[in-house]
């Protein structure tokens, strides 16, 4: 997520010297079409057309499985040097939570 595709998170990311932060996001697929009922329909909103990882999950996997997958992905992302400085999983997850909180203020 970044300010272009997730308006409202830019200030948080900037404060932590990040351009973007991977976010686990769920959407529905109907045929070849992705249907995202959680995002605003704004003409200037960058579409989610590029995914770092994509997999089909069952509805009961939206909670614990999705969180575990997201944390595992973040650990690999940080290991590849994509984060800023000495980020830990706990600090990165806290930044993610700040971003989510910022979205609720919109």
C-alpha atoms as a PDB file:
ATOM      1  CA  UNK A   1       0.000   0.000   0.000  1.00  0.00           C
ATOM      2  CA  UNK A   2       1.071   3.541  -0.727  1.00  0.00           C
ATOM      3  CA  UNK A   3      -0.685   6.908  -0.875  1.00  0.00           C
ATOM      4  CA  UNK A   4      -1.669   6.440  -4.526  1.00  0.00           C
ATOM      5  CA  UNK A   5      -3.497   3.151  -4.113  1.00  0.00           C
ATOM      6  CA  UNK A   6      -4.510   3.570  -0.459  1.00  0.00           C
ATOM      7  CA  UNK A   7      -5.172   7.272   0.216  1.00  0.00           C
ATOM      8  CA  UNK A   8      -4.609   8.168   3.843  1.00  0.00           C
ATOM      9  CA  UNK A   9      -1.492   6.090   4.556  1.00  0.00           C
ATOM     10  CA  UNK A  10       1.058   8.450   2.991  1.00  0.00           C
ATOM     11  CA  UNK A  11       1.808  10.499   6.107  1.00  0.00           C
ATOM     12  CA  UNK A  12       2.381   7.369   8.197  1.00  0.00           C
ATOM     13  CA  UNK A  13       4.679   5.839   5.597  1.00  0.00           C
ATOM     14  CA  UNK A  14       6.591   9.100   5.193  1.00  0.00           C
ATOM     15  CA  UNK A  15       7.075   9.392   8.959  1.00  0.00           C
ATOM     16  CA  UNK A  16       8.700   5.951   8.900  1.00  0.00           C
ATOM     17  CA  UNK A  17      10.697   6.705   5.729  1.00  0.00           C
ATOM     18  CA  UNK A  18       8.832   4.138   3.641  1.00  0.00           C
ATOM     19  CA  UNK A  19       7.515   4.540   0.102  1.00  0.00           C
ATOM     20  CA  UNK A  20       5.141   1.601   0.480  1.00  0.00           C
ATOM     21  CA  UNK A  21       4.314  -1.310   2.751  1.00  0.00           C
ATOM     22  CA  UNK A  22       3.013  -4.705   1.630  1.00  0.00           C
ATOM     23  CA  UNK A  23      -0.575  -5.248   2.731  1.00  0.00           C
ATOM     24  CA  UNK A  24      -2.597  -8.439   2.650  1.00  0.00           C
ATOM     25  CA  UNK A  25      -5.840  -7.604   0.934  1.00  0.00           C
ATOM     26  CA  UNK A  26      -8.868  -9.742   0.127  1.00  0.00           C
ATOM     27  CA  UNK A  27     -11.124  -9.372  -2.858  1.00  0.00           C
ATOM     28  CA  UNK A  28     -13.614 -11.537  -4.734  1.00  0.00           C
ATOM     29  CA  UNK A  29     -12.890 -13.079  -8.098  1.00  0.00           C
ATOM     30  CA  UNK A  30     -15.656 -13.656 -10.599  1.00  0.00           C
ATOM     31  CA  UNK A  31     -14.288 -15.264 -13.720  1.00  0.00           C
ATOM     32  CA  UNK A  32     -11.266 -13.155 -14.679  1.00  0.00           C
ATOM     33  CA  UNK A  33     -12.552 -10.064 -12.896  1.00  0.00           C
ATOM     34  CA  UNK A  34     -11.413  -8.885  -9.448  1.00  0.00           C
ATOM     35  CA  UNK A  35     -14.164  -7.310  -7.365  1.00  0.00           C
ATOM     36  CA  UNK A  36     -13.028  -5.266  -4.394  1.00  0.00           C
ATOM     37  CA  UNK A  37     -15.892  -4.147  -2.193  1.00  0.00           C
ATOM     38  CA  UNK A  38     -13.653  -2.534   0.442  1.00  0.00           C
ATOM     39  CA  UNK A  39     -12.173   0.294  -1.620  1.00  0.00           C
ATOM     40  CA  UNK A  40     -13.680   3.615  -2.547  1.00  0.00           C
ATOM     41  CA  UNK A  41     -14.494   4.098  -6.205  1.00  0.00           C
ATOM     42  CA  UNK A  42     -12.443   7.201  -6.921  1.00  0.00           C
ATOM     43  CA  UNK A  43     -11.315   8.053 -10.426  1.00  0.00           C
ATOM     44  CA  UNK A  44      -7.849   9.087  -9.195  1.00  0.00           C
ATOM     45  CA  UNK A  45      -7.335   5.936  -7.115  1.00  0.00           C
ATOM     46  CA  UNK A  46      -4.547   3.754  -8.477  1.00  0.00           C
ATOM     47  CA  UNK A  47      -6.053   0.332  -9.241  1.00  0.00           C
ATOM     48  CA  UNK A  48      -4.700  -2.769  -7.566  1.00  0.00           C
ATOM     49  CA  UNK A  49      -3.343  -4.465 -10.649  1.00  0.00           C
ATOM     50  CA  UNK A  50       0.060  -5.601  -9.403  1.00  0.00           C
ATOM     51  CA  UNK A  51       0.401  -8.182  -6.654  1.00  0.00           C
ATOM     52  CA  UNK A  52       3.550  -9.384  -4.911  1.00  0.00           C
ATOM     53  CA  UNK A  53       1.748 -12.599  -3.968  1.00  0.00           C
ATOM     54  CA  UNK A  54      -1.700 -13.829  -4.842  1.00  0.00           C
ATOM     55  CA  UNK A  55      -3.472 -16.942  -3.676  1.00  0.00           C
ATOM     56  CA  UNK A  56      -6.985 -18.202  -3.377  1.00  0.00           C
ATOM     57  CA  UNK A  57      -8.207 -18.730   0.175  1.00  0.00           C
ATOM     58  CA  UNK A  58     -11.422 -19.974   1.725  1.00  0.00           C
ATOM     59  CA  UNK A  59     -13.614 -17.625   3.780  1.00  0.00           C
ATOM     60  CA  UNK A  60     -12.530 -19.292   7.036  1.00  0.00           C
ATOM     61  CA  UNK A  61      -8.897 -18.415   6.226  1.00  0.00           C
ATOM     62  CA  UNK A  62      -9.488 -14.654   6.296  1.00  0.00           C
ATOM     63  CA  UNK A  63      -8.533 -14.414   9.967  1.00  0.00           C
ATOM     64  CA  UNK A  64      -5.592 -16.386  11.368  1.00  0.00           C
ATOM     65  CA  UNK A  65      -4.269 -17.833   8.111  1.00  0.00           C
ATOM     66  CA  UNK A  66      -4.260 -14.449   6.353  1.00  0.00           C
ATOM     67  CA  UNK A  67      -2.513 -12.779   9.293  1.00  0.00           C
ATOM     68  CA  UNK A  68       0.152 -15.508   9.481  1.00  0.00           C
ATOM     69  CA  UNK A  69       0.713 -15.352   5.713  1.00  0.00           C
ATOM     70  CA  UNK A  70       0.993 -11.564   5.870  1.00  0.00           C
ATOM     71  CA  UNK A  71       3.547 -11.672   8.698  1.00  0.00           C
ATOM     72  CA  UNK A  72       5.602 -14.331   6.897  1.00  0.00           C
ATOM     73  CA  UNK A  73       5.574 -12.218   3.742  1.00  0.00           C
ATOM     74  CA  UNK A  74       6.662  -9.124   5.707  1.00  0.00           C
ATOM     75  CA  UNK A  75       9.584 -11.067   7.197  1.00  0.00           C
ATOM     76  CA  UNK A  76      10.776 -12.016   3.692  1.00  0.00           C
ATOM     77  CA  UNK A  77      10.230  -8.441   2.489  1.00  0.00           C
ATOM     78  CA  UNK A  78      12.384  -7.090   5.331  1.00  0.00           C
ATOM     79  CA  UNK A  79      15.055  -9.781   4.779  1.00  0.00           C
ATOM     80  CA  UNK A  80      15.358  -8.604   1.179  1.00  0.00           C
ATOM     81  CA  UNK A  81      16.238  -5.145   2.477  1.00  0.00           C
ATOM     82  CA  UNK A  82      12.992  -3.525   1.352  1.00  0.00           C
ATOM     83  CA  UNK A  83      12.299  -1.964   4.745  1.00  0.00           C
ATOM     84  CA  UNK A  84      14.071   1.005   6.271  1.00  0.00           C
ATOM     85  CA  UNK A  85      16.952   0.423   8.687  1.00  0.00           C
ATOM     86  CA  UNK A  86      16.609  -2.137  11.437  1.00  0.00           C
ATOM     87  CA  UNK A  87      12.942  -2.989  11.097  1.00  0.00           C
ATOM     88  CA  UNK A  88      11.584  -5.912  13.078  1.00  0.00           C
ATOM     89  CA  UNK A  89       8.374  -7.781  12.426  1.00  0.00           C
ATOM     90  CA  UNK A  90       6.856  -6.110  15.493  1.00  0.00           C
ATOM     91  CA  UNK A  91       7.838  -2.601  14.377  1.00  0.00           C
ATOM     92  CA  UNK A  92       6.710  -3.233  10.806  1.00  0.00           C
ATOM     93  CA  UNK A  93       3.388  -4.627  12.002  1.00  0.00           C
ATOM     94  CA  UNK A  94       2.969  -1.541  14.222  1.00  0.00           C
ATOM     95  CA  UNK A  95       3.490   0.705  11.166  1.00  0.00           C
ATOM     96  CA  UNK A  96       0.896  -1.349   9.304  1.00  0.00           C
ATOM     97  CA  UNK A  97      -1.540  -0.866  12.206  1.00  0.00           C
ATOM     98  CA  UNK A  98      -0.850   2.907  12.116  1.00  0.00           C
ATOM     99  CA  UNK A  99      -1.718   2.876   8.425  1.00  0.00           C
ATOM    100  CA  UNK A 100      -4.972   1.001   9.061  1.00  0.00           C
ATOM    101  CA  UNK A 101      -5.859   3.463  11.834  1.00  0.00           C
ATOM    102  CA  UNK A 102      -5.165   6.389   9.498  1.00  0.00           C
ATOM    103  CA  UNK A 103      -7.627   4.917   7.000  1.00  0.00           C
ATOM    104  CA  UNK A 104     -10.384   4.946   9.605  1.00  0.00           C
ATOM    105  CA  UNK A 105      -9.927   8.731   9.966  1.00  0.00           C
ATOM    106  CA  UNK A 106     -10.855   9.328   6.328  1.00  0.00           C
END
